């Protein structure tokens, strides 16, 4: 990312591994009291991670939270949809959306909204991309969108609906230079008089991607045009 200083590209999460030394308790002492600060910090980090995963697996994690898209919402878009509870949406300024597009390799669409899964215990985002008004079909929008993305190795398109709107969906994999396993990704697109909207789900890895699919499906089922 170099000198890109914008809040949009926050997908890279650095996880520190805290190495602790085992402490020998003094006579009559308490093991926990004599544990090293590093060991205590590691235990706290592990406990917090377990709490996050427990929250993600709770019924509340997949309840309907806020709704984005309409004027005055956290993300103003050509369409609106429901966001899963505990996920955090953030609208992107035009300059941030443009930089995100350049960073991710997309020229046909600009970043408009990032919905962060970390508060729900997962590492990943639902990212929303928009275009100017277009005569392209949802399928054509997705074909162009995935055609711009580097290292795509397999694509499967299908016609579907997003809410009551005609939509196209693509399930695809990308080859990461850092991982042996192809990364699973998914996106759907709709077209309205205000432009096309692409809703994309990636994830830190395939396990995270699978765990986040219910939030993606919630968004797709609840899509409605913004007047």
Protein backbone atom coordinates (compact mmCIF):
# COMPACT_ATOMS: atom_id res chain seq x y z
CA UNK A 1 0.00 0.00 0.00
CA UNK A 2 3.08 2.28 0.34
CA UNK A 3 1.93 5.79 1.11
CA UNK A 4 -1.79 5.18 0.60
CA UNK A 5 -3.20 6.79 3.73
CA UNK A 6 -6.89 6.14 3.54
CA UNK A 7 -9.27 4.33 5.84
CA UNK A 8 -10.68 2.18 3.04
CA UNK A 9 -7.90 -0.33 2.68
CA UNK A 10 -8.06 -1.80 6.16
CA UNK A 11 -8.28 -5.45 5.17
CA UNK A 12 -4.73 -6.31 6.21
CA UNK A 13 -4.84 -7.29 9.85
CA UNK A 14 -1.52 -7.98 11.58
CA UNK A 15 -1.81 -10.64 14.24
CA UNK A 16 1.03 -10.57 16.77
CA UNK A 17 2.13 -13.81 18.33
CA UNK A 18 3.03 -13.21 21.93
CA UNK A 19 5.61 -15.65 23.23
CA UNK A 20 5.60 -16.13 26.97
CA UNK A 21 8.03 -17.79 29.34
CA UNK A 22 6.78 -20.30 31.85
CA UNK A 23 7.17 -18.97 35.35
CA UNK A 24 8.16 -21.02 38.34
CA UNK A 25 5.98 -20.15 41.34
CA UNK A 26 7.61 -19.21 44.60
CA UNK A 27 6.96 -21.29 47.68
CA UNK A 28 3.42 -20.77 48.75
CA UNK A 29 2.94 -18.45 45.78
CA UNK A 30 0.21 -18.36 43.16
CA UNK A 31 1.19 -19.50 39.62
CA UNK A 32 -1.02 -16.86 37.99
CA UNK A 33 0.47 -14.10 40.11
CA UNK A 34 4.00 -15.15 39.15
CA UNK A 35 3.33 -15.58 35.43
CA UNK A 36 5.37 -13.34 33.16
CA UNK A 37 3.66 -10.29 31.58
CA UNK A 38 4.15 -11.85 28.13
CA UNK A 39 2.38 -15.05 29.13
CA UNK A 40 -0.48 -13.07 30.69
CA UNK A 41 -0.82 -10.95 27.55
CA UNK A 42 -0.87 -14.05 25.36
CA UNK A 43 -3.56 -15.63 27.52
CA UNK A 44 -5.64 -12.44 27.33
CA UNK A 45 -5.25 -12.29 23.53
CA UNK A 46 -6.34 -15.93 23.16
CA UNK A 47 -9.33 -15.38 25.44
CA UNK A 48 -10.38 -12.30 23.44
CA UNK A 49 -10.14 -14.27 20.19
CA UNK A 50 -12.32 -17.04 21.62
CA UNK A 51 -14.84 -14.45 22.76
CA UNK A 52 -14.95 -12.96 19.25
CA UNK A 53 -15.54 -16.37 17.68
CA UNK A 54 -18.22 -17.16 20.24
CA UNK A 55 -19.93 -13.87 19.40
CA UNK A 56 -19.78 -14.68 15.68
CA UNK A 57 -21.42 -18.04 16.31
CA UNK A 58 -24.16 -16.60 18.50
CA UNK A 59 -27.71 -16.11 17.14
CA UNK A 60 -27.27 -12.32 17.43
CA UNK A 61 -24.43 -12.36 14.90
CA UNK A 62 -26.82 -13.16 12.06
CA UNK A 63 -29.70 -10.96 13.15
CA UNK A 64 -30.49 -7.90 11.08
CA UNK A 65 -28.52 -4.86 12.17
CA UNK A 66 -28.44 -1.51 10.43
CA UNK A 67 -29.44 -0.82 6.83
CA UNK A 68 -27.21 0.99 4.35
CA UNK A 69 -27.79 2.67 1.01
CA UNK A 70 -30.45 5.29 1.59
CA UNK A 71 -29.66 8.99 1.95
CA UNK A 72 -28.40 9.70 5.44
CA UNK A 73 -27.25 6.12 6.08
CA UNK A 74 -23.61 5.20 6.77
CA UNK A 75 -23.17 4.32 3.07
CA UNK A 76 -25.21 6.10 0.39
CA UNK A 77 -25.66 3.80 -2.64
CA UNK A 78 -27.93 3.21 -5.66
CA UNK A 79 -29.54 0.38 -3.66
CA UNK A 80 -30.12 -0.34 0.02
CA UNK A 81 -29.73 -3.60 1.95
CA UNK A 82 -29.54 -5.02 5.47
CA UNK A 83 -26.25 -5.45 7.30
CA UNK A 84 -25.79 -8.31 9.76
CA UNK A 85 -25.73 -7.30 13.40
CA UNK A 86 -22.23 -6.61 14.78
CA UNK A 87 -20.79 -5.85 11.31
CA UNK A 88 -19.54 -2.27 10.96
CA UNK A 89 -20.28 -0.30 7.75
CA UNK A 90 -18.20 2.67 6.68
CA UNK A 91 -18.86 4.92 3.71
CA UNK A 92 -15.89 5.86 1.54
CA UNK A 93 -15.11 9.35 0.30
CA UNK A 94 -14.80 9.61 -3.51
CA UNK A 95 -11.01 9.94 -3.33
CA UNK A 96 -10.76 6.91 -1.03
CA UNK A 97 -13.04 4.89 -3.30
CA UNK A 98 -10.87 5.75 -6.29
CA UNK A 99 -7.68 4.77 -4.47
CA UNK A 100 -9.25 1.50 -3.33
CA UNK A 101 -10.17 0.75 -6.95
CA UNK A 102 -6.59 1.40 -8.06
CA UNK A 103 -5.23 -0.75 -5.24
CA UNK A 104 -7.59 -3.66 -6.00
CA UNK A 105 -7.18 -3.40 -9.78
CA UNK A 106 -10.72 -2.17 -10.57
CA UNK A 107 -11.17 0.60 -13.13
CA UNK A 108 -14.81 0.06 -14.05
CA UNK A 109 -16.14 0.62 -10.50
CA UNK A 110 -15.23 2.70 -7.47
CA UNK A 111 -15.29 1.68 -3.83
CA UNK A 112 -18.31 3.10 -2.04
CA UNK A 113 -18.67 1.18 1.21
CA UNK A 114 -16.74 -1.26 3.41
CA UNK A 115 -18.57 -3.44 5.93
CA UNK A 116 -16.09 -4.83 8.43
CA UNK A 117 -16.61 -8.31 9.89
CA UNK A 118 -14.03 -8.00 12.68
CA UNK A 119 -16.56 -6.79 15.32
CA UNK A 120 -18.45 -10.04 14.62
CA UNK A 121 -15.32 -12.16 15.04
CA UNK A 122 -14.23 -12.68 11.43
CA UNK A 123 -11.44 -11.26 9.30
CA UNK A 124 -12.84 -9.84 6.10
CA UNK A 125 -15.17 -7.34 4.47
CA UNK A 126 -18.24 -7.00 2.35
CA UNK A 127 -17.15 -4.30 -0.08
CA UNK A 128 -19.63 -2.36 -2.20
CA UNK A 129 -18.61 -0.93 -5.57
CA UNK A 130 -20.65 1.45 -7.73
CA UNK A 131 -20.57 2.83 -11.27
CA UNK A 132 -22.11 5.72 -13.14
CA UNK A 133 -25.44 5.01 -14.94
CA UNK A 134 -24.87 2.24 -17.47
CA UNK A 135 -26.69 0.23 -20.12
CA UNK A 136 -24.76 -2.91 -19.25
CA UNK A 137 -26.53 -5.93 -17.82
CA UNK A 138 -25.67 -7.21 -14.32
CA UNK A 139 -23.80 -10.11 -15.95
CA UNK A 140 -21.74 -7.75 -18.12
CA UNK A 141 -20.91 -5.63 -15.06
CA UNK A 142 -19.64 -8.69 -13.19
CA UNK A 143 -17.67 -9.98 -16.17
CA UNK A 144 -15.86 -6.65 -16.41
CA UNK A 145 -15.36 -6.45 -12.65
CA UNK A 146 -13.79 -9.91 -12.33
CA UNK A 147 -11.86 -9.45 -15.58
CA UNK A 148 -9.99 -6.56 -13.96
CA UNK A 149 -9.03 -8.53 -10.87
CA UNK A 150 -5.58 -10.17 -11.04
CA UNK A 151 -4.93 -13.90 -10.64
CA UNK A 152 -8.52 -15.09 -11.16
CA UNK A 153 -8.33 -18.81 -11.99
CA UNK A 154 -11.96 -19.97 -12.11
CA UNK A 155 -15.33 -18.20 -12.51
CA UNK A 156 -18.91 -19.51 -12.34
CA UNK A 157 -21.67 -17.05 -13.27
CA UNK A 158 -25.38 -17.43 -12.61
CA UNK A 159 -28.55 -15.36 -13.02
CA UNK A 160 -30.35 -14.66 -9.77
CA UNK A 161 -32.30 -12.01 -7.89
CA UNK A 162 -31.16 -9.53 -5.27
CA UNK A 163 -34.32 -8.72 -3.36
CA UNK A 164 -36.79 -8.19 -6.20
CA UNK A 165 -34.18 -6.91 -8.66
CA UNK A 166 -32.72 -8.98 -11.51
CA UNK A 167 -29.12 -9.75 -10.64
CA UNK A 168 -26.10 -11.75 -11.66
CA UNK A 169 -23.79 -13.58 -9.30
CA UNK A 170 -20.28 -14.96 -9.66
CA UNK A 171 -18.41 -17.43 -7.50
CA UNK A 172 -14.71 -17.45 -8.28
CA UNK A 173 -11.25 -18.24 -6.99
CA UNK A 174 -8.04 -16.26 -7.09
CA UNK A 175 -4.48 -17.51 -6.79
CA UNK A 176 -2.66 -15.83 -3.92
CA UNK A 177 1.12 -15.47 -4.15
CA UNK A 178 1.26 -16.12 -0.40
CA UNK A 179 -0.96 -19.21 -0.14
CA UNK A 180 -1.07 -22.64 -1.75
CA UNK A 181 -4.88 -22.85 -1.60
CA UNK A 182 -6.92 -20.79 -4.13
CA UNK A 183 -8.92 -18.09 -2.37
CA UNK A 184 -12.71 -18.24 -2.68
CA UNK A 185 -14.59 -15.02 -3.48
CA UNK A 186 -18.14 -14.13 -4.39
CA UNK A 187 -20.03 -11.12 -5.74
CA UNK A 188 -23.42 -10.11 -7.09
CA UNK A 189 -24.39 -7.14 -9.23
CA UNK A 190 -27.58 -5.19 -9.90
CA UNK A 191 -28.25 -2.29 -12.26
CA UNK A 192 -30.60 0.63 -11.55
CA UNK A 193 -31.08 4.02 -13.24
CA UNK A 194 -28.56 5.41 -10.74
CA UNK A 195 -25.86 2.98 -11.82
CA UNK A 196 -24.58 -0.53 -11.17
CA UNK A 197 -23.81 -1.86 -7.70
CA UNK A 198 -21.43 -4.77 -7.05
CA UNK A 199 -21.46 -6.37 -3.60
CA UNK A 200 -18.31 -8.45 -3.03
CA UNK A 201 -17.26 -10.87 -0.29
CA UNK A 202 -13.68 -12.03 0.11
CA UNK A 203 -12.09 -13.04 3.40
CA UNK A 204 -8.71 -13.64 5.01
CA UNK A 205 -8.91 -17.31 4.02
CA UNK A 206 -11.51 -19.84 2.86
CA UNK A 207 -12.64 -20.66 6.39
CA UNK A 208 -13.35 -16.99 7.10
CA UNK A 209 -15.10 -16.67 3.72
CA UNK A 210 -17.44 -19.56 4.50
CA UNK A 211 -18.25 -18.22 7.97
CA UNK A 212 -19.17 -14.82 6.51
CA UNK A 213 -21.50 -16.11 3.80
CA UNK A 214 -24.70 -15.68 5.90
CA UNK A 215 -24.05 -11.91 6.10
CA UNK A 216 -23.54 -11.79 2.32
CA UNK A 217 -26.77 -13.73 1.72
CA UNK A 218 -28.64 -11.40 4.08
CA UNK A 219 -27.47 -8.43 2.03
CA UNK A 220 -28.46 -10.06 -1.26
CA UNK A 221 -31.95 -11.06 -0.13
CA UNK A 222 -32.75 -7.59 1.23
CA UNK A 223 -31.68 -5.42 -1.74
CA UNK A 224 -34.08 -2.66 -2.79
CA UNK A 225 -33.59 0.31 -5.15
CA UNK A 226 -33.08 3.73 -3.60
CA UNK A 227 -35.51 6.35 -4.85
